[in-house]
N, C-alpha and C. Protein backbone atom coordinates (compact mmCIF):
# COMPACT_ATOMS: atom_id res chain seq x y z
N UNK A 1 1.25 -16.86 12.18
CA UNK A 1 1.24 -16.20 10.89
C UNK A 1 2.55 -15.45 10.72
N UNK A 2 3.22 -15.66 9.61
CA UNK A 2 4.49 -15.00 9.37
C UNK A 2 4.27 -13.53 9.04
N UNK A 3 5.36 -12.76 9.06
CA UNK A 3 5.29 -11.33 8.77
C UNK A 3 4.79 -11.09 7.35
N UNK A 4 5.27 -11.89 6.39
CA UNK A 4 4.84 -11.71 5.00
C UNK A 4 3.36 -12.08 4.83
N UNK A 5 2.89 -13.08 5.56
CA UNK A 5 1.47 -13.44 5.51
C UNK A 5 0.61 -12.32 6.09
N UNK A 6 1.09 -11.70 7.15
CA UNK A 6 0.36 -10.59 7.77
C UNK A 6 0.31 -9.39 6.82
N UNK A 7 1.43 -9.12 6.15
CA UNK A 7 1.45 -8.01 5.19
C UNK A 7 0.52 -8.29 4.01
N UNK A 8 0.52 -9.51 3.55
CA UNK A 8 -0.37 -9.88 2.45
C UNK A 8 -1.83 -9.70 2.86
N UNK A 9 -2.17 -10.17 4.05
CA UNK A 9 -3.54 -10.03 4.55
C UNK A 9 -3.92 -8.55 4.70
N UNK A 10 -2.97 -7.74 5.17
CA UNK A 10 -3.20 -6.31 5.33
C UNK A 10 -3.44 -5.66 3.97
N UNK A 11 -2.64 -6.02 2.97
CA UNK A 11 -2.80 -5.49 1.62
C UNK A 11 -4.15 -5.90 1.04
N UNK A 12 -4.51 -7.16 1.19
CA UNK A 12 -5.78 -7.65 0.66
C UNK A 12 -6.95 -6.94 1.32
N UNK A 13 -6.85 -6.67 2.60
CA UNK A 13 -7.91 -5.95 3.30
C UNK A 13 -8.03 -4.51 2.77
N UNK A 14 -6.90 -3.87 2.52
CA UNK A 14 -6.91 -2.52 1.94
C UNK A 14 -7.61 -2.55 0.58
N UNK A 15 -7.26 -3.50 -0.26
CA UNK A 15 -7.87 -3.59 -1.59
C UNK A 15 -9.38 -3.81 -1.47
N UNK A 16 -9.80 -4.71 -0.60
CA UNK A 16 -11.24 -4.94 -0.41
C UNK A 16 -11.96 -3.68 0.06
N UNK A 17 -11.35 -2.98 0.99
CA UNK A 17 -12.00 -1.81 1.59
C UNK A 17 -12.01 -0.60 0.66
N UNK A 18 -10.98 -0.40 -0.14
CA UNK A 18 -10.83 0.84 -0.91
C UNK A 18 -10.96 0.67 -2.42
N UNK A 19 -11.22 -0.53 -2.90
CA UNK A 19 -11.25 -0.79 -4.35
C UNK A 19 -12.26 0.10 -5.07
N UNK A 20 -13.46 0.22 -4.54
CA UNK A 20 -14.48 1.03 -5.20
C UNK A 20 -14.06 2.50 -5.28
N UNK A 21 -13.51 3.03 -4.22
CA UNK A 21 -13.06 4.43 -4.22
C UNK A 21 -11.92 4.63 -5.20
N UNK A 22 -11.00 3.67 -5.24
CA UNK A 22 -9.89 3.77 -6.20
C UNK A 22 -10.40 3.68 -7.63
N UNK A 23 -11.35 2.79 -7.88
CA UNK A 23 -11.93 2.68 -9.22
C UNK A 23 -12.66 3.96 -9.62
N UNK A 24 -13.37 4.57 -8.69
CA UNK A 24 -14.06 5.83 -8.99
C UNK A 24 -13.06 6.91 -9.39
N UNK A 25 -12.00 7.03 -8.63
CA UNK A 25 -10.97 8.02 -8.95
C UNK A 25 -10.34 7.71 -10.31
N UNK A 26 -10.02 6.46 -10.54
CA UNK A 26 -9.41 6.07 -11.82
C UNK A 26 -10.37 6.33 -12.97
N UNK A 27 -11.65 6.07 -12.79
CA UNK A 27 -12.63 6.33 -13.85
C UNK A 27 -12.69 7.83 -14.15
N UNK A 28 -12.68 8.64 -13.12
CA UNK A 28 -12.71 10.08 -13.34
C UNK A 28 -11.45 10.56 -14.04
N UNK A 29 -10.34 9.90 -13.79
CA UNK A 29 -9.09 10.26 -14.45
C UNK A 29 -9.04 9.80 -15.90
N UNK A 30 -9.62 8.63 -16.19
CA UNK A 30 -9.51 8.06 -17.53
C UNK A 30 -10.74 8.23 -18.39
N UNK A 31 -11.92 8.22 -17.77
CA UNK A 31 -13.16 8.33 -18.53
C UNK A 31 -13.65 7.02 -19.12
N UNK A 32 -12.95 5.94 -18.88
CA UNK A 32 -13.32 4.63 -19.43
C UNK A 32 -13.23 3.59 -18.31
N UNK A 33 -14.25 2.72 -18.24
CA UNK A 33 -14.25 1.70 -17.18
C UNK A 33 -13.06 0.74 -17.30
N UNK A 34 -12.82 0.26 -18.52
CA UNK A 34 -11.72 -0.69 -18.71
C UNK A 34 -10.38 -0.06 -18.39
N UNK A 35 -10.18 1.18 -18.82
CA UNK A 35 -8.93 1.88 -18.51
C UNK A 35 -8.80 2.12 -17.01
N UNK A 36 -9.91 2.41 -16.35
CA UNK A 36 -9.88 2.63 -14.90
C UNK A 36 -9.47 1.37 -14.17
N UNK A 37 -10.01 0.24 -14.58
CA UNK A 37 -9.63 -1.03 -13.95
C UNK A 37 -8.16 -1.33 -14.17
N UNK A 38 -7.67 -1.09 -15.38
CA UNK A 38 -6.25 -1.29 -15.67
C UNK A 38 -5.38 -0.36 -14.83
N UNK A 39 -5.82 0.88 -14.70
CA UNK A 39 -5.06 1.86 -13.93
C UNK A 39 -4.98 1.46 -12.45
N UNK A 40 -6.08 1.02 -11.89
CA UNK A 40 -6.07 0.58 -10.48
C UNK A 40 -5.17 -0.63 -10.33
N UNK A 41 -5.27 -1.57 -11.24
CA UNK A 41 -4.42 -2.77 -11.18
C UNK A 41 -2.94 -2.38 -11.22
N UNK A 42 -2.59 -1.48 -12.13
CA UNK A 42 -1.21 -1.03 -12.23
C UNK A 42 -0.75 -0.35 -10.94
N UNK A 43 -1.61 0.50 -10.39
CA UNK A 43 -1.25 1.22 -9.16
C UNK A 43 -1.04 0.24 -8.00
N UNK A 44 -1.90 -0.75 -7.90
CA UNK A 44 -1.76 -1.72 -6.82
C UNK A 44 -0.50 -2.56 -6.99
N UNK A 45 -0.20 -2.93 -8.22
CA UNK A 45 1.03 -3.69 -8.49
C UNK A 45 2.25 -2.87 -8.10
N UNK A 46 2.22 -1.57 -8.41
CA UNK A 46 3.35 -0.71 -8.07
C UNK A 46 3.44 -0.44 -6.57
N UNK A 47 2.33 -0.55 -5.86
CA UNK A 47 2.33 -0.30 -4.42
C UNK A 47 2.85 -1.50 -3.62
N UNK A 48 2.67 -2.70 -4.14
CA UNK A 48 3.03 -3.91 -3.38
C UNK A 48 4.47 -3.91 -2.89
N UNK A 49 5.46 -3.60 -3.74
CA UNK A 49 6.84 -3.65 -3.24
C UNK A 49 7.13 -2.67 -2.10
N UNK A 50 6.30 -1.65 -1.97
CA UNK A 50 6.52 -0.63 -0.95
C UNK A 50 5.56 -0.78 0.24
N UNK A 51 4.82 -1.87 0.26
CA UNK A 51 3.76 -2.03 1.25
C UNK A 51 4.26 -1.91 2.68
N UNK A 52 5.41 -2.45 2.96
CA UNK A 52 5.94 -2.40 4.33
C UNK A 52 6.07 -0.94 4.80
N UNK A 53 6.50 -0.05 3.89
CA UNK A 53 6.69 1.36 4.27
C UNK A 53 5.38 2.14 4.29
N UNK A 54 4.41 1.77 3.47
CA UNK A 54 3.20 2.58 3.32
C UNK A 54 1.98 2.00 4.02
N UNK A 55 2.10 0.84 4.61
CA UNK A 55 0.93 0.13 5.14
C UNK A 55 0.16 0.91 6.21
N UNK A 56 0.82 1.82 6.91
CA UNK A 56 0.12 2.61 7.93
C UNK A 56 -0.90 3.56 7.31
N UNK A 57 -0.59 4.10 6.13
CA UNK A 57 -1.47 5.05 5.44
C UNK A 57 -1.25 4.92 3.93
N UNK A 58 -1.73 3.85 3.31
CA UNK A 58 -1.40 3.58 1.91
C UNK A 58 -2.17 4.43 0.89
N UNK A 59 -3.31 4.96 1.27
CA UNK A 59 -4.15 5.64 0.28
C UNK A 59 -3.47 6.81 -0.43
N UNK A 60 -2.81 7.72 0.26
CA UNK A 60 -2.15 8.82 -0.47
C UNK A 60 -1.11 8.31 -1.47
N UNK A 61 -0.38 7.29 -1.11
CA UNK A 61 0.65 6.74 -2.00
C UNK A 61 -0.01 6.12 -3.23
N UNK A 62 -1.06 5.34 -3.04
CA UNK A 62 -1.74 4.70 -4.17
C UNK A 62 -2.43 5.76 -5.03
N UNK A 63 -3.02 6.77 -4.42
CA UNK A 63 -3.65 7.85 -5.17
C UNK A 63 -2.61 8.59 -6.03
N UNK A 64 -1.43 8.80 -5.47
CA UNK A 64 -0.34 9.44 -6.22
C UNK A 64 0.03 8.60 -7.44
N UNK A 65 0.12 7.30 -7.25
CA UNK A 65 0.43 6.41 -8.38
C UNK A 65 -0.67 6.51 -9.44
N UNK A 66 -1.93 6.50 -9.02
CA UNK A 66 -3.05 6.61 -9.97
C UNK A 66 -2.93 7.87 -10.81
N UNK A 67 -2.74 9.00 -10.16
CA UNK A 67 -2.69 10.27 -10.89
C UNK A 67 -1.51 10.33 -11.83
N UNK A 68 -0.35 9.96 -11.35
CA UNK A 68 0.85 10.03 -12.19
C UNK A 68 0.81 9.02 -13.32
N UNK A 69 0.34 7.83 -13.04
CA UNK A 69 0.26 6.79 -14.08
C UNK A 69 -0.78 7.18 -15.13
N UNK A 70 -1.84 7.84 -14.72
CA UNK A 70 -2.86 8.29 -15.67
C UNK A 70 -2.27 9.27 -16.68
N UNK A 71 -1.50 10.23 -16.18
CA UNK A 71 -0.86 11.19 -17.07
C UNK A 71 0.16 10.48 -17.97
N UNK A 72 0.94 9.57 -17.42
CA UNK A 72 1.94 8.83 -18.21
C UNK A 72 1.28 7.99 -19.29
N UNK A 73 0.18 7.31 -18.93
CA UNK A 73 -0.52 6.48 -19.91
C UNK A 73 -1.07 7.34 -21.04
N UNK A 74 -1.60 8.51 -20.70
CA UNK A 74 -2.13 9.40 -21.73
C UNK A 74 -1.00 9.81 -22.68
N UNK A 75 0.15 10.14 -22.14
CA UNK A 75 1.27 10.55 -22.99
C UNK A 75 1.71 9.42 -23.92
N UNK A 76 1.70 8.18 -23.43
CA UNK A 76 2.11 7.05 -24.26
C UNK A 76 1.08 6.73 -25.33
N UNK A 77 -0.21 6.91 -25.02
CA UNK A 77 -1.26 6.46 -25.93
C UNK A 77 -1.78 7.53 -26.87
N UNK A 78 -1.57 8.79 -26.60
CA UNK A 78 -2.26 9.83 -27.36
C UNK A 78 -1.94 9.81 -28.85
N UNK A 79 -0.76 9.42 -29.24
CA UNK A 79 -0.44 9.43 -30.66
C UNK A 79 -1.09 8.28 -31.40
N UNK A 80 -1.57 7.25 -30.69
CA UNK A 80 -2.20 6.10 -31.33
C UNK A 80 -3.70 6.26 -31.51
N UNK A 81 -4.31 7.14 -30.75
CA UNK A 81 -5.76 7.28 -30.79
C UNK A 81 -6.17 8.25 -31.89
N UNK A 82 -7.27 7.94 -32.51
CA UNK A 82 -7.81 8.79 -33.57
C UNK A 82 -9.18 9.27 -33.12
N UNK A 83 -9.34 10.58 -33.04
CA UNK A 83 -10.61 11.14 -32.64
C UNK A 83 -11.54 11.25 -33.83
N UNK A 84 -12.82 11.20 -33.55
CA UNK A 84 -13.81 11.32 -34.61
C UNK A 84 -14.96 12.19 -34.15
N UNK A 85 -15.42 13.07 -35.02
CA UNK A 85 -16.58 13.89 -34.69
C UNK A 85 -17.88 13.16 -34.98
N UNK A 86 -17.82 12.12 -35.81
CA UNK A 86 -19.00 11.36 -36.17
C UNK A 86 -19.12 10.13 -35.29
N UNK A 87 -20.21 10.08 -34.55
CA UNK A 87 -20.47 8.93 -33.70
C UNK A 87 -21.55 8.07 -34.34
N UNK A 88 -21.46 6.77 -34.17
CA UNK A 88 -22.56 5.94 -34.66
C UNK A 88 -23.82 6.19 -33.85
N UNK A 89 -24.82 5.45 -33.99
CA UNK A 89 -26.12 5.60 -33.33
C UNK A 89 -26.08 6.42 -32.06
N UNK A 90 -26.97 7.39 -31.97
CA UNK A 90 -27.08 8.23 -30.79
C UNK A 90 -28.28 7.75 -29.98
N UNK A 91 -28.05 7.41 -28.74
CA UNK A 91 -29.11 6.92 -27.87
C UNK A 91 -29.87 8.10 -27.27
N UNK A 92 -31.14 7.89 -26.99
CA UNK A 92 -31.93 8.89 -26.28
C UNK A 92 -31.50 8.89 -24.83
N UNK A 93 -31.42 10.08 -24.23
CA UNK A 93 -30.97 10.18 -22.86
C UNK A 93 -31.93 11.01 -22.04
N UNK A 94 -32.04 10.65 -20.77
CA UNK A 94 -32.81 11.51 -19.89
C UNK A 94 -31.90 12.65 -19.45
N UNK A 95 -32.46 13.74 -18.90
CA UNK A 95 -31.64 14.92 -18.59
C UNK A 95 -30.48 14.65 -17.64
N UNK A 96 -30.67 13.80 -16.61
CA UNK A 96 -29.57 13.53 -15.68
C UNK A 96 -28.43 12.82 -16.37
N UNK A 97 -28.75 11.85 -17.20
CA UNK A 97 -27.72 11.13 -17.94
C UNK A 97 -27.03 12.08 -18.91
N UNK A 98 -27.80 12.93 -19.55
CA UNK A 98 -27.23 13.89 -20.49
C UNK A 98 -26.25 14.82 -19.78
N UNK A 99 -26.61 15.30 -18.58
CA UNK A 99 -25.70 16.17 -17.83
C UNK A 99 -24.42 15.45 -17.44
N UNK A 100 -24.57 14.21 -16.98
CA UNK A 100 -23.38 13.43 -16.61
C UNK A 100 -22.49 13.21 -17.82
N UNK A 101 -23.09 12.89 -18.95
CA UNK A 101 -22.31 12.68 -20.17
C UNK A 101 -21.63 13.97 -20.62
N UNK A 102 -22.33 15.09 -20.49
CA UNK A 102 -21.73 16.38 -20.83
C UNK A 102 -20.53 16.66 -19.93
N UNK A 103 -20.69 16.39 -18.63
CA UNK A 103 -19.59 16.61 -17.69
C UNK A 103 -18.43 15.66 -18.00
N UNK A 104 -18.74 14.40 -18.26
CA UNK A 104 -17.70 13.44 -18.60
C UNK A 104 -16.95 13.86 -19.87
N UNK A 105 -17.69 14.31 -20.86
CA UNK A 105 -17.07 14.78 -22.09
C UNK A 105 -16.21 16.01 -21.87
N UNK A 106 -16.69 16.93 -21.04
CA UNK A 106 -15.91 18.13 -20.75
C UNK A 106 -14.64 17.78 -19.98
N UNK A 107 -14.74 16.85 -19.02
CA UNK A 107 -13.54 16.40 -18.30
C UNK A 107 -12.55 15.74 -19.25
N UNK A 108 -13.07 14.95 -20.17
CA UNK A 108 -12.20 14.25 -21.12
C UNK A 108 -11.45 15.22 -22.02
N UNK A 109 -12.03 16.41 -22.22
CA UNK A 109 -11.39 17.41 -23.07
C UNK A 109 -10.30 18.21 -22.39
N UNK A 110 -10.15 18.04 -21.09
CA UNK A 110 -9.09 18.75 -20.37
C UNK A 110 -7.75 18.06 -20.59
N UNK A 111 -6.69 18.82 -20.42
CA UNK A 111 -5.35 18.24 -20.43
C UNK A 111 -5.24 17.29 -19.24
N UNK A 112 -4.43 16.24 -19.35
CA UNK A 112 -4.35 15.24 -18.27
C UNK A 112 -4.05 15.82 -16.89
N UNK A 113 -3.14 16.77 -16.80
CA UNK A 113 -2.82 17.32 -15.49
C UNK A 113 -3.98 18.16 -14.95
N UNK A 114 -4.64 18.91 -15.84
CA UNK A 114 -5.81 19.68 -15.40
C UNK A 114 -6.90 18.74 -14.90
N UNK A 115 -7.12 17.68 -15.64
CA UNK A 115 -8.15 16.71 -15.25
C UNK A 115 -7.80 16.09 -13.89
N UNK A 116 -6.54 15.74 -13.70
CA UNK A 116 -6.11 15.15 -12.44
C UNK A 116 -6.33 16.13 -11.29
N UNK A 117 -6.01 17.40 -11.51
CA UNK A 117 -6.22 18.42 -10.47
C UNK A 117 -7.70 18.53 -10.13
N UNK A 118 -8.56 18.59 -11.12
CA UNK A 118 -10.00 18.72 -10.89
C UNK A 118 -10.54 17.49 -10.15
N UNK A 119 -10.12 16.31 -10.58
CA UNK A 119 -10.60 15.08 -9.93
C UNK A 119 -10.15 15.04 -8.48
N UNK A 120 -8.88 15.32 -8.24
CA UNK A 120 -8.37 15.24 -6.87
C UNK A 120 -8.96 16.33 -5.98
N UNK A 121 -9.12 17.54 -6.51
CA UNK A 121 -9.66 18.64 -5.69
C UNK A 121 -11.17 18.50 -5.50
N UNK A 122 -11.91 18.25 -6.58
CA UNK A 122 -13.37 18.30 -6.50
C UNK A 122 -14.03 16.99 -6.12
N UNK A 123 -13.48 15.89 -6.59
CA UNK A 123 -14.12 14.61 -6.33
C UNK A 123 -13.48 13.86 -5.17
N UNK A 124 -12.19 14.01 -4.98
CA UNK A 124 -11.51 13.37 -3.86
C UNK A 124 -11.40 14.31 -2.66
N UNK A 125 -11.76 15.59 -2.85
CA UNK A 125 -11.78 16.60 -1.80
C UNK A 125 -10.42 16.78 -1.13
N UNK A 126 -9.36 16.76 -1.92
CA UNK A 126 -8.03 17.01 -1.39
C UNK A 126 -7.76 18.51 -1.37
N UNK A 127 -6.92 18.93 -0.46
CA UNK A 127 -6.53 20.34 -0.41
C UNK A 127 -5.55 20.62 -1.55
N UNK A 128 -5.24 21.89 -1.74
CA UNK A 128 -4.27 22.25 -2.78
C UNK A 128 -2.91 21.62 -2.47
N UNK A 129 -2.51 21.65 -1.21
CA UNK A 129 -1.22 21.07 -0.82
C UNK A 129 -1.20 19.56 -1.03
N UNK A 130 -2.29 18.89 -0.65
CA UNK A 130 -2.36 17.44 -0.84
C UNK A 130 -2.35 17.09 -2.33
N UNK A 131 -3.07 17.86 -3.13
CA UNK A 131 -3.08 17.63 -4.58
C UNK A 131 -1.69 17.83 -5.17
N UNK A 132 -1.02 18.88 -4.74
CA UNK A 132 0.34 19.13 -5.21
C UNK A 132 1.26 17.98 -4.85
N UNK A 133 1.12 17.47 -3.64
CA UNK A 133 1.94 16.35 -3.20
C UNK A 133 1.67 15.10 -4.03
N UNK A 134 0.40 14.81 -4.27
CA UNK A 134 0.03 13.62 -5.04
C UNK A 134 0.60 13.70 -6.46
N UNK A 135 0.52 14.87 -7.07
CA UNK A 135 0.96 15.02 -8.46
C UNK A 135 2.45 15.37 -8.58
N UNK A 136 3.08 15.70 -7.47
CA UNK A 136 4.49 16.05 -7.52
C UNK A 136 4.74 17.39 -8.18
N UNK A 137 3.83 18.34 -7.96
CA UNK A 137 3.94 19.67 -8.54
C UNK A 137 3.80 20.70 -7.44
N UNK A 138 4.06 21.96 -7.76
CA UNK A 138 3.95 23.04 -6.79
C UNK A 138 2.49 23.40 -6.54
N UNK A 139 2.22 23.96 -5.37
CA UNK A 139 0.87 24.39 -5.03
C UNK A 139 0.39 25.45 -6.02
N UNK A 140 1.29 26.34 -6.43
CA UNK A 140 0.93 27.36 -7.42
C UNK A 140 0.50 26.75 -8.75
N UNK A 141 1.13 25.64 -9.11
CA UNK A 141 0.75 24.94 -10.35
C UNK A 141 -0.63 24.33 -10.19
N UNK A 142 -0.93 23.79 -9.02
CA UNK A 142 -2.27 23.26 -8.76
C UNK A 142 -3.30 24.38 -8.93
N UNK A 143 -3.01 25.55 -8.36
CA UNK A 143 -3.94 26.67 -8.45
C UNK A 143 -4.16 27.09 -9.90
N UNK A 144 -3.08 27.23 -10.66
CA UNK A 144 -3.23 27.69 -12.04
C UNK A 144 -3.89 26.62 -12.91
N UNK A 145 -3.58 25.35 -12.68
CA UNK A 145 -4.21 24.27 -13.44
C UNK A 145 -5.70 24.21 -13.13
N UNK A 146 -6.06 24.37 -11.85
CA UNK A 146 -7.47 24.35 -11.46
C UNK A 146 -8.20 25.55 -12.06
N UNK A 147 -7.59 26.72 -11.99
CA UNK A 147 -8.20 27.92 -12.55
C UNK A 147 -8.47 27.75 -14.05
N UNK A 148 -7.46 27.28 -14.77
CA UNK A 148 -7.61 27.11 -16.22
C UNK A 148 -8.63 26.02 -16.55
N UNK A 149 -8.60 24.94 -15.80
CA UNK A 149 -9.55 23.84 -16.05
C UNK A 149 -10.98 24.27 -15.76
N UNK A 150 -11.18 24.99 -14.67
CA UNK A 150 -12.53 25.45 -14.33
C UNK A 150 -13.04 26.46 -15.37
N UNK A 151 -12.15 27.29 -15.90
CA UNK A 151 -12.56 28.23 -16.95
C UNK A 151 -13.05 27.46 -18.17
N UNK A 152 -12.30 26.43 -18.55
CA UNK A 152 -12.70 25.61 -19.70
C UNK A 152 -14.02 24.91 -19.42
N UNK A 153 -14.16 24.33 -18.24
CA UNK A 153 -15.39 23.63 -17.90
C UNK A 153 -16.59 24.58 -17.87
N UNK A 154 -16.38 25.78 -17.36
CA UNK A 154 -17.47 26.76 -17.34
C UNK A 154 -17.90 27.15 -18.75
N UNK A 155 -16.92 27.26 -19.66
CA UNK A 155 -17.24 27.58 -21.05
C UNK A 155 -17.98 26.43 -21.73
N UNK A 156 -17.56 25.22 -21.45
CA UNK A 156 -18.15 24.05 -22.11
C UNK A 156 -19.46 23.60 -21.48
N UNK A 157 -19.69 23.98 -20.24
CA UNK A 157 -20.88 23.52 -19.52
C UNK A 157 -21.66 24.68 -18.92
N UNK A 158 -22.16 25.60 -19.71
CA UNK A 158 -22.85 26.75 -19.13
C UNK A 158 -24.08 26.35 -18.32
N UNK A 159 -24.76 25.28 -18.69
CA UNK A 159 -25.95 24.86 -17.95
C UNK A 159 -25.61 24.33 -16.56
N UNK A 160 -24.40 23.80 -16.40
CA UNK A 160 -24.01 23.24 -15.12
C UNK A 160 -23.16 24.20 -14.28
N UNK A 161 -22.86 25.36 -14.84
CA UNK A 161 -21.95 26.29 -14.18
C UNK A 161 -22.37 26.60 -12.75
N UNK A 162 -23.59 27.04 -12.55
CA UNK A 162 -24.03 27.41 -11.21
C UNK A 162 -24.16 26.21 -10.30
N UNK A 163 -24.58 25.10 -10.86
CA UNK A 163 -24.85 23.91 -10.07
C UNK A 163 -23.59 23.20 -9.60
N UNK A 164 -22.60 23.04 -10.50
CA UNK A 164 -21.44 22.20 -10.19
C UNK A 164 -20.13 22.96 -10.01
N UNK A 165 -19.97 24.10 -10.61
CA UNK A 165 -18.64 24.68 -10.71
C UNK A 165 -18.48 26.00 -9.98
N UNK A 166 -19.34 26.32 -9.04
CA UNK A 166 -19.24 27.61 -8.36
C UNK A 166 -18.31 27.58 -7.16
N UNK A 167 -17.77 26.44 -6.84
CA UNK A 167 -16.90 26.36 -5.66
C UNK A 167 -15.61 27.13 -5.85
N UNK A 168 -15.17 27.32 -7.11
CA UNK A 168 -13.97 28.09 -7.37
C UNK A 168 -12.70 27.41 -6.96
N UNK A 169 -12.75 26.13 -6.66
CA UNK A 169 -11.54 25.41 -6.26
C UNK A 169 -10.74 25.22 -7.48
């Protein structure tokens, strides 16, 4: 097996093993399944040329691409999207689904960097330093973004405050 074949096999194994986790992170960053799949695809395409250097520990590099690309995509697309307060048919929801939808809606209302900080800190369980490294920002910025985002989430989700947001991260 040639070196390039071995690298390809290594990359494919990484994708098989980590695809679901990457999709989960991307979904939390974007709020849409289709956008999450596109974001993961873009991140993997961007990681391939650097595979030789990152193959020992590719996840932090790919996670960094996901977070940064998510913010960049939001900046490119925001002027094209039109928000609406009127939604068509409203489906009946059970309480668990309603809570998840409320949380998803509250996350979607955060600024992209705040959302990325919350996703990386709370859902990916990264430290402040790791989050700062992934996003290419200072640790102090991670702290202030998390503080501001949690304040907004607590205001928007009073029913979930004690249950989900008491960690203070």
